[in-house]
Structure formats: C-alpha cells, structure tokens
Amino acid sequence: SEGYVQKASCHKGIESVRINSQDDSRYERRTAVNGKEYFVLKARNAEIIGKSQLYSSKSGMENGIASVKSNAPTAEIVDETLKS
C-alpha cells in the first residue's frame, strides 16, 4: 500500500477499502502481459486503492476477490508506525 504521513489519512484509506471492497463494480479484472489474471480495487473516484497478486486462472482471481469481500470489513489493523 502507499505510505501515509498522517495516521488519520491512513485510517481513511483503510475505511475506503472496507467500504469499496463490498461493491463488485469496484473490482476491475485484468490480464497481465504474461497472461496471468489479477484485479484492482478502485474507490468511487476511480483511484486504485488495492492491487492483487497474479493468479494462474480466472477462478483463482475470483476466489481472491471473494476473500477480500469476506475479510476486508473485519480485518485486523496492525500499527507499524516507526517509533523514533
């Protein structure tokens, strides 16, 4: 994911993923130049907020989307803020 300077911006990004992950129209299914399948998750403003791994099949990609839909709303947030 992108880096954030402010924690509030990070939390907004997380919330955007949680909300948009539930809307199938926010997933753009793509094929890479090597023929592997992947997807991107877009926010309402069409900004890409997530990109998947590469999958060897469309069914694998669809399983990945289903997993994001299932897990994103309740995923644990781990604060990895660098402490000085």
PDB file of N, CA and C in Angstrom:
ATOM      1  N   SER A   1       0.837  -1.186   0.000  1.00  0.00           N
ATOM      2  CA  SER A   1       0.000   0.000   0.000  1.00  0.00           C
ATOM      3  C   SER A   1       0.875   1.239   0.000  1.00  0.00           C
ATOM      4  N   GLU A   2       0.265   2.365  -0.289  1.00  0.00           N
ATOM      5  CA  GLU A   2       1.015   3.609  -0.267  1.00  0.00           C
ATOM      6  C   GLU A   2       1.383   3.954   1.160  1.00  0.00           C
ATOM      7  N   GLY A   3       2.447   4.750   1.304  1.00  0.00           N
ATOM      8  CA  GLY A   3       2.821   5.211   2.626  1.00  0.00           C
ATOM      9  C   GLY A   3       1.998   6.433   3.002  1.00  0.00           C
ATOM     10  N   TYR A   4       1.748   6.596   4.272  1.00  0.00           N
ATOM     11  CA  TYR A   4       0.973   7.735   4.759  1.00  0.00           C
ATOM     12  C   TYR A   4       1.809   8.526   5.744  1.00  0.00           C
ATOM     13  N   VAL A   5       1.714   9.846   5.672  1.00  0.00           N
ATOM     14  CA  VAL A   5       2.407  10.715   6.611  1.00  0.00           C
ATOM     15  C   VAL A   5       1.572  10.873   7.876  1.00  0.00           C
ATOM     16  N   GLN A   6       0.267  10.976   7.712  1.00  0.00           N
ATOM     17  CA  GLN A   6      -0.622  11.189   8.844  1.00  0.00           C
ATOM     18  C   GLN A   6      -1.468   9.939   9.100  1.00  0.00           C
ATOM     19  N   LYS A   7      -1.587   9.595  10.357  1.00  0.00           N
ATOM     20  CA  LYS A   7      -2.355   8.407  10.731  1.00  0.00           C
ATOM     21  C   LYS A   7      -3.818   8.535  10.316  1.00  0.00           C
ATOM     22  N   ALA A   8      -4.378   9.751  10.394  1.00  0.00           N
ATOM     23  CA  ALA A   8      -5.780   9.957  10.006  1.00  0.00           C
ATOM     24  C   ALA A   8      -5.989   9.615   8.532  1.00  0.00           C
ATOM     25  N   SER A   9      -5.022   9.963   7.685  1.00  0.00           N
ATOM     26  CA  SER A   9      -5.120   9.638   6.258  1.00  0.00           C
ATOM     27  C   SER A   9      -5.073   8.133   6.049  1.00  0.00           C
ATOM     28  N   CYS A  10      -4.246   7.471   6.824  1.00  0.00           N
ATOM     29  CA  CYS A  10      -4.151   6.010   6.752  1.00  0.00           C
ATOM     30  C   CYS A  10      -5.492   5.374   7.103  1.00  0.00           C
ATOM     31  N   HIS A  11      -6.110   5.853   8.166  1.00  0.00           N
ATOM     32  CA  HIS A  11      -7.402   5.291   8.582  1.00  0.00           C
ATOM     33  C   HIS A  11      -8.483   5.545   7.535  1.00  0.00           C
ATOM     34  N   LYS A  12      -8.415   6.693   6.850  1.00  0.00           N
ATOM     35  CA  LYS A  12      -9.364   6.968   5.764  1.00  0.00           C
ATOM     36  C   LYS A  12      -9.167   5.962   4.631  1.00  0.00           C
ATOM     37  N   GLY A  13      -7.899   5.660   4.311  1.00  0.00           N
ATOM     38  CA  GLY A  13      -7.606   4.680   3.271  1.00  0.00           C
ATOM     39  C   GLY A  13      -8.128   3.299   3.625  1.00  0.00           C
ATOM     40  N   ILE A  14      -7.945   2.909   4.872  1.00  0.00           N
ATOM     41  CA  ILE A  14      -8.448   1.613   5.337  1.00  0.00           C
ATOM     42  C   ILE A  14      -9.965   1.567   5.220  1.00  0.00           C
ATOM     43  N   GLU A  15     -10.616   2.623   5.651  1.00  0.00           N
ATOM     44  CA  GLU A  15     -12.080   2.668   5.592  1.00  0.00           C
ATOM     45  C   GLU A  15     -12.568   2.611   4.146  1.00  0.00           C
ATOM     46  N   SER A  16     -11.837   3.257   3.240  1.00  0.00           N
ATOM     47  CA  SER A  16     -12.203   3.220   1.823  1.00  0.00           C
ATOM     48  C   SER A  16     -12.147   1.795   1.285  1.00  0.00           C
ATOM     49  N   VAL A  17     -11.112   1.056   1.659  1.00  0.00           N
ATOM     50  CA  VAL A  17     -11.008  -0.344   1.227  1.00  0.00           C
ATOM     51  C   VAL A  17     -12.153  -1.158   1.818  1.00  0.00           C
ATOM     52  N   ARG A  18     -12.429  -0.963   3.083  1.00  0.00           N
ATOM     53  CA  ARG A  18     -13.514  -1.724   3.727  1.00  0.00           C
ATOM     54  C   ARG A  18     -14.848  -1.493   3.033  1.00  0.00           C
ATOM     55  N   ILE A  19     -15.143  -0.249   2.704  1.00  0.00           N
ATOM     56  CA  ILE A  19     -16.420   0.084   2.062  1.00  0.00           C
ATOM     57  C   ILE A  19     -16.454  -0.401   0.620  1.00  0.00           C
ATOM     58  N   ASN A  20     -15.442  -0.028  -0.155  1.00  0.00           N
ATOM     59  CA  ASN A  20     -15.452  -0.334  -1.586  1.00  0.00           C
ATOM     60  C   ASN A  20     -15.286  -1.814  -1.887  1.00  0.00           C
ATOM     61  N   SER A  21     -14.682  -2.552  -0.969  1.00  0.00           N
ATOM     62  CA  SER A  21     -14.479  -3.988  -1.196  1.00  0.00           C
ATOM     63  C   SER A  21     -15.793  -4.752  -1.269  1.00  0.00           C
ATOM     64  N   GLN A  22     -16.866  -4.163  -0.776  1.00  0.00           N
ATOM     65  CA  GLN A  22     -18.158  -4.848  -0.764  1.00  0.00           C
ATOM     66  C   GLN A  22     -18.945  -4.670  -2.057  1.00  0.00           C
ATOM     67  N   ASP A  23     -18.469  -3.807  -2.946  1.00  0.00           N
ATOM     68  CA  ASP A  23     -19.169  -3.480  -4.193  1.00  0.00           C
ATOM     69  C   ASP A  23     -18.434  -4.113  -5.373  1.00  0.00           C
ATOM     70  N   ASP A  24     -19.035  -5.125  -5.981  1.00  0.00           N
ATOM     71  CA  ASP A  24     -18.370  -5.846  -7.067  1.00  0.00           C
ATOM     72  C   ASP A  24     -17.981  -4.933  -8.229  1.00  0.00           C
ATOM     73  N   SER A  25     -18.718  -3.859  -8.427  1.00  0.00           N
ATOM     74  CA  SER A  25     -18.403  -2.953  -9.538  1.00  0.00           C
ATOM     75  C   SER A  25     -17.113  -2.179  -9.300  1.00  0.00           C
ATOM     76  N   ARG A  26     -16.581  -2.220  -8.094  1.00  0.00           N
ATOM     77  CA  ARG A  26     -15.319  -1.534  -7.780  1.00  0.00           C
ATOM     78  C   ARG A  26     -14.089  -2.384  -8.142  1.00  0.00           C
ATOM     79  N   TYR A  27     -14.326  -3.643  -8.504  1.00  0.00           N
ATOM     80  CA  TYR A  27     -13.224  -4.526  -8.891  1.00  0.00           C
ATOM     81  C   TYR A  27     -13.058  -4.490 -10.401  1.00  0.00           C
ATOM     82  N   GLU A  28     -11.842  -4.216 -10.837  1.00  0.00           N
ATOM     83  CA  GLU A  28     -11.534  -4.253 -12.264  1.00  0.00           C
ATOM     84  C   GLU A  28     -10.674  -5.486 -12.503  1.00  0.00           C
ATOM     85  N   ARG A  29     -11.213  -6.406 -13.250  1.00  0.00           N
ATOM     86  CA  ARG A  29     -10.500  -7.643 -13.550  1.00  0.00           C
ATOM     87  C   ARG A  29      -9.604  -7.409 -14.759  1.00  0.00           C
ATOM     88  N   ARG A  30      -8.335  -7.817 -14.629  1.00  0.00           N
ATOM     89  CA  ARG A  30      -7.349  -7.546 -15.671  1.00  0.00           C
ATOM     90  C   ARG A  30      -6.536  -8.794 -15.987  1.00  0.00           C
ATOM     91  N   THR A  31      -5.894  -8.746 -17.148  1.00  0.00           N
ATOM     92  CA  THR A  31      -4.955  -9.793 -17.541  1.00  0.00           C
ATOM     93  C   THR A  31      -3.603  -9.137 -17.776  1.00  0.00           C
ATOM     94  N   ALA A  32      -2.570  -9.655 -17.125  1.00  0.00           N
ATOM     95  CA  ALA A  32      -1.212  -9.132 -17.273  1.00  0.00           C
ATOM     96  C   ALA A  32      -0.628  -9.558 -18.617  1.00  0.00           C
ATOM     97  N   VAL A  33       0.478  -8.939 -19.007  1.00  0.00           N
ATOM     98  CA  VAL A  33       1.107  -9.266 -20.286  1.00  0.00           C
ATOM     99  C   VAL A  33       1.560 -10.719 -20.349  1.00  0.00           C
ATOM    100  N   ASN A  34       1.810 -11.333 -19.193  1.00  0.00           N
ATOM    101  CA  ASN A  34       2.217 -12.741 -19.176  1.00  0.00           C
ATOM    102  C   ASN A  34       1.026 -13.698 -19.184  1.00  0.00           C
ATOM    103  N   GLY A  35      -0.195 -13.137 -19.313  1.00  0.00           N
ATOM    104  CA  GLY A  35      -1.393 -13.961 -19.387  1.00  0.00           C
ATOM    105  C   GLY A  35      -2.025 -14.303 -18.051  1.00  0.00           C
ATOM    106  N   LYS A  36      -1.390 -13.906 -16.962  1.00  0.00           N
ATOM    107  CA  LYS A  36      -1.951 -14.193 -15.636  1.00  0.00           C
ATOM    108  C   LYS A  36      -3.033 -13.174 -15.299  1.00  0.00           C
ATOM    109  N   GLU A  37      -3.966 -13.610 -14.474  1.00  0.00           N
ATOM    110  CA  GLU A  37      -5.105 -12.774 -14.092  1.00  0.00           C
ATOM    111  C   GLU A  37      -4.800 -12.028 -12.792  1.00  0.00           C
ATOM    112  N   TYR A  38      -5.344 -10.822 -12.670  1.00  0.00           N
ATOM    113  CA  TYR A  38      -5.273 -10.078 -11.419  1.00  0.00           C
ATOM    114  C   TYR A  38      -6.413  -9.076 -11.380  1.00  0.00           C
ATOM    115  N   PHE A  39      -6.581  -8.430 -10.233  1.00  0.00           N
ATOM    116  CA  PHE A  39      -7.630  -7.417 -10.122  1.00  0.00           C
ATOM    117  C   PHE A  39      -7.107  -6.204  -9.377  1.00  0.00           C
ATOM    118  N   VAL A  40      -7.742  -5.088  -9.634  1.00  0.00           N
ATOM    119  CA  VAL A  40      -7.502  -3.883  -8.850  1.00  0.00           C
ATOM    120  C   VAL A  40      -8.830  -3.487  -8.216  1.00  0.00           C
ATOM    121  N   LEU A  41      -8.740  -2.887  -7.056  1.00  0.00           N
ATOM    122  CA  LEU A  41      -9.907  -2.368  -6.349  1.00  0.00           C
ATOM    123  C   LEU A  41      -9.851  -0.856  -6.454  1.00  0.00           C
ATOM    124  N   LYS A  42     -10.955  -0.263  -6.882  1.00  0.00           N
ATOM    125  CA  LYS A  42     -10.994   1.185  -7.077  1.00  0.00           C
ATOM    126  C   LYS A  42     -11.992   1.835  -6.129  1.00  0.00           C
ATOM    127  N   ALA A  43     -11.659   3.057  -5.731  1.00  0.00           N
ATOM    128  CA  ALA A  43     -12.562   3.870  -4.916  1.00  0.00           C
ATOM    129  C   ALA A  43     -13.609   4.510  -5.820  1.00  0.00           C
ATOM    130  N   ARG A  44     -14.551   5.206  -5.225  1.00  0.00           N
ATOM    131  CA  ARG A  44     -15.616   5.869  -6.003  1.00  0.00           C
ATOM    132  C   ARG A  44     -15.050   6.860  -7.009  1.00  0.00           C
ATOM    133  N   ASN A  45     -13.897   7.481  -6.678  1.00  0.00           N
ATOM    134  CA  ASN A  45     -13.282   8.459  -7.572  1.00  0.00           C
ATOM    135  C   ASN A  45     -12.386   7.806  -8.626  1.00  0.00           C
ATOM    136  N   ALA A  46     -12.442   6.499  -8.742  1.00  0.00           N
ATOM    137  CA  ALA A  46     -11.696   5.681  -9.711  1.00  0.00           C
ATOM    138  C   ALA A  46     -10.217   5.527  -9.367  1.00  0.00           C
ATOM    139  N   GLU A  47      -9.790   6.008  -8.207  1.00  0.00           N
ATOM    140  CA  GLU A  47      -8.411   5.815  -7.776  1.00  0.00           C
ATOM    141  C   GLU A  47      -8.216   4.359  -7.358  1.00  0.00           C
ATOM    142  N   ILE A  48      -7.101   3.770  -7.778  1.00  0.00           N
ATOM    143  CA  ILE A  48      -6.783   2.397  -7.378  1.00  0.00           C
ATOM    144  C   ILE A  48      -6.371   2.401  -5.911  1.00  0.00           C
ATOM    145  N   ILE A  49      -7.065   1.600  -5.115  1.00  0.00           N
ATOM    146  CA  ILE A  49      -6.772   1.519  -3.683  1.00  0.00           C
ATOM    147  C   ILE A  49      -6.268   0.133  -3.279  1.00  0.00           C
ATOM    148  N   GLY A  50      -6.174  -0.763  -4.239  1.00  0.00           N
ATOM    149  CA  GLY A  50      -5.644  -2.089  -3.970  1.00  0.00           C
ATOM    150  C   GLY A  50      -5.360  -2.830  -5.259  1.00  0.00           C
ATOM    151  N   LYS A  51      -4.334  -3.678  -5.228  1.00  0.00           N
ATOM    152  CA  LYS A  51      -3.968  -4.484  -6.398  1.00  0.00           C
ATOM    153  C   LYS A  51      -3.618  -5.878  -5.901  1.00  0.00           C
ATOM    154  N   SER A  52      -4.155  -6.875  -6.584  1.00  0.00           N
ATOM    155  CA  SER A  52      -3.952  -8.256  -6.145  1.00  0.00           C
ATOM    156  C   SER A  52      -2.626  -8.825  -6.638  1.00  0.00           C
ATOM    157  N   GLN A  53      -2.370 -10.014  -6.169  1.00  0.00           N
ATOM    158  CA  GLN A  53      -1.292 -10.829  -6.715  1.00  0.00           C
ATOM    159  C   GLN A  53      -1.719 -11.317  -8.095  1.00  0.00           C
ATOM    160  N   LEU A  54      -0.819 -11.978  -8.802  1.00  0.00           N
ATOM    161  CA  LEU A  54      -1.163 -12.599 -10.085  1.00  0.00           C
ATOM    162  C   LEU A  54      -1.710 -13.998  -9.828  1.00  0.00           C
ATOM    163  N   TYR A  55      -2.732 -14.349 -10.585  1.00  0.00           N
ATOM    164  CA  TYR A  55      -3.373 -15.661 -10.471  1.00  0.00           C
ATOM    165  C   TYR A  55      -3.207 -16.420 -11.779  1.00  0.00           C
ATOM    166  N   SER A  56      -3.110 -17.734 -11.691  1.00  0.00           N
ATOM    167  CA  SER A  56      -2.937 -18.551 -12.894  1.00  0.00           C
ATOM    168  C   SER A  56      -4.251 -18.837 -13.600  1.00  0.00           C
ATOM    169  N   SER A  57      -5.377 -18.489 -12.958  1.00  0.00           N
ATOM    170  CA  SER A  57      -6.679 -18.743 -13.582  1.00  0.00           C
ATOM    171  C   SER A  57      -7.686 -17.673 -13.166  1.00  0.00           C
ATOM    172  N   LYS A  58      -8.730 -17.550 -13.972  1.00  0.00           N
ATOM    173  CA  LYS A  58      -9.812 -16.614 -13.629  1.00  0.00           C
ATOM    174  C   LYS A  58     -10.514 -17.055 -12.352  1.00  0.00           C
ATOM    175  N   SER A  59     -10.673 -18.365 -12.176  1.00  0.00           N
ATOM    176  CA  SER A  59     -11.346 -18.838 -10.962  1.00  0.00           C
ATOM    177  C   SER A  59     -10.518 -18.505  -9.722  1.00  0.00           C
ATOM    178  N   GLY A  60      -9.204 -18.583  -9.838  1.00  0.00           N
ATOM    179  CA  GLY A  60      -8.339 -18.194  -8.725  1.00  0.00           C
ATOM    180  C   GLY A  60      -8.497 -16.721  -8.393  1.00  0.00           C
ATOM    181  N   MET A  61      -8.563 -15.898  -9.441  1.00  0.00           N
ATOM    182  CA  MET A  61      -8.765 -14.465  -9.247  1.00  0.00           C
ATOM    183  C   MET A  61     -10.110 -14.202  -8.577  1.00  0.00           C
ATOM    184  N   GLU A  62     -11.154 -14.880  -9.031  1.00  0.00           N
ATOM    185  CA  GLU A  62     -12.483 -14.690  -8.432  1.00  0.00           C
ATOM    186  C   GLU A  62     -12.495 -15.131  -6.968  1.00  0.00           C
ATOM    187  N   ASN A  63     -11.747 -16.183  -6.649  1.00  0.00           N
ATOM    188  CA  ASN A  63     -11.615 -16.607  -5.248  1.00  0.00           C
ATOM    189  C   ASN A  63     -10.909 -15.530  -4.428  1.00  0.00           C
ATOM    190  N   GLY A  64      -9.911 -14.882  -5.034  1.00  0.00           N
ATOM    191  CA  GLY A  64      -9.215 -13.790  -4.362  1.00  0.00           C
ATOM    192  C   GLY A  64     -10.149 -12.629  -4.073  1.00  0.00           C
ATOM    193  N   ILE A  65     -10.983 -12.275  -5.041  1.00  0.00           N
ATOM    194  CA  ILE A  65     -11.964 -11.205  -4.849  1.00  0.00           C
ATOM    195  C   ILE A  65     -12.936 -11.582  -3.733  1.00  0.00           C
ATOM    196  N   ALA A  66     -13.398 -12.818  -3.750  1.00  0.00           N
ATOM    197  CA  ALA A  66     -14.320 -13.280  -2.706  1.00  0.00           C
ATOM    198  C   ALA A  66     -13.669 -13.189  -1.325  1.00  0.00           C
ATOM    199  N   SER A  67     -12.391 -13.494  -1.251  1.00  0.00           N
ATOM    200  CA  SER A  67     -11.679 -13.414   0.019  1.00  0.00           C
ATOM    201  C   SER A  67     -11.588 -11.973   0.514  1.00  0.00           C
ATOM    202  N   VAL A  68     -11.295 -11.044  -0.390  1.00  0.00           N
ATOM    203  CA  VAL A  68     -11.237  -9.632   0.005  1.00  0.00           C
ATOM    204  C   VAL A  68     -12.606  -9.176   0.499  1.00  0.00           C
ATOM    205  N   LYS A  69     -13.651  -9.532  -0.245  1.00  0.00           N
ATOM    206  CA  LYS A  69     -15.010  -9.149   0.167  1.00  0.00           C
ATOM    207  C   LYS A  69     -15.337  -9.691   1.561  1.00  0.00           C
ATOM    208  N   SER A  70     -14.909 -10.903   1.827  1.00  0.00           N
ATOM    209  CA  SER A  70     -15.216 -11.557   3.094  1.00  0.00           C
ATOM    210  C   SER A  70     -14.386 -11.001   4.255  1.00  0.00           C
ATOM    211  N   ASN A  71     -13.110 -10.738   4.007  1.00  0.00           N
ATOM    212  CA  ASN A  71     -12.191 -10.399   5.094  1.00  0.00           C
ATOM    213  C   ASN A  71     -11.962  -8.913   5.327  1.00  0.00           C
ATOM    214  N   ALA A  72     -12.102  -8.088   4.307  1.00  0.00           N
ATOM    215  CA  ALA A  72     -11.781  -6.661   4.458  1.00  0.00           C
ATOM    216  C   ALA A  72     -12.591  -5.950   5.542  1.00  0.00           C
ATOM    217  N   PRO A  73     -13.887  -6.215   5.657  1.00  0.00           N
ATOM    218  CA  PRO A  73     -14.664  -5.452   6.643  1.00  0.00           C
ATOM    219  C   PRO A  73     -14.215  -5.638   8.090  1.00  0.00           C
ATOM    220  N   THR A  74     -13.623  -6.775   8.398  1.00  0.00           N
ATOM    221  CA  THR A  74     -13.263  -7.062   9.791  1.00  0.00           C
ATOM    222  C   THR A  74     -11.776  -7.352   9.979  1.00  0.00           C
ATOM    223  N   ALA A  75     -10.963  -7.055   8.975  1.00  0.00           N
ATOM    224  CA  ALA A  75      -9.530  -7.349   9.065  1.00  0.00           C
ATOM    225  C   ALA A  75      -8.884  -6.573  10.211  1.00  0.00           C
ATOM    226  N   GLU A  76      -7.968  -7.234  10.889  1.00  0.00           N
ATOM    227  CA  GLU A  76      -7.236  -6.606  11.989  1.00  0.00           C
ATOM    228  C   GLU A  76      -6.318  -5.522  11.437  1.00  0.00           C
ATOM    229  N   ILE A  77      -6.245  -4.408  12.126  1.00  0.00           N
ATOM    230  CA  ILE A  77      -5.341  -3.323  11.750  1.00  0.00           C
ATOM    231  C   ILE A  77      -4.119  -3.416  12.649  1.00  0.00           C
ATOM    232  N   VAL A  78      -2.937  -3.510  12.031  1.00  0.00           N
ATOM    233  CA  VAL A  78      -1.686  -3.578  12.774  1.00  0.00           C
ATOM    234  C   VAL A  78      -0.942  -2.269  12.546  1.00  0.00           C
ATOM    235  N   ASP A  79      -0.695  -1.527  13.599  1.00  0.00           N
ATOM    236  CA  ASP A  79       0.004  -0.243  13.513  1.00  0.00           C
ATOM    237  C   ASP A  79       1.501  -0.513  13.417  1.00  0.00           C
ATOM    238  N   GLU A  80       2.080  -0.196  12.265  1.00  0.00           N
ATOM    239  CA  GLU A  80       3.513  -0.392  12.063  1.00  0.00           C
ATOM    240  C   GLU A  80       4.234   0.949  11.980  1.00  0.00           C
ATOM    241  N   THR A  81       3.729   1.922  12.719  1.00  0.00           N
ATOM    242  CA  THR A  81       4.343   3.240  12.761  1.00  0.00           C
ATOM    243  C   THR A  81       5.762   3.109  13.287  1.00  0.00           C
ATOM    244  N   LEU A  82       6.689   3.768  12.591  1.00  0.00           N
ATOM    245  CA  LEU A  82       8.078   3.760  13.046  1.00  0.00           C
ATOM    246  C   LEU A  82       8.201   4.644  14.278  1.00  0.00           C
ATOM    247  N   LYS A  83       8.742   4.096  15.303  1.00  0.00           N
ATOM    248  CA  LYS A  83       8.956   4.846  16.545  1.00  0.00           C
ATOM    249  C   LYS A  83      10.390   5.376  16.541  1.00  0.00           C
ATOM    250  N   SER A  84      10.558   6.634  16.930  1.00  0.00           N
ATOM    251  CA  SER A  84      11.923   7.187  16.956  1.00  0.00           C
ATOM    252  C   SER A  84      12.478   7.240  18.359  1.00  0.00           C
TER     253      SER A  84
END
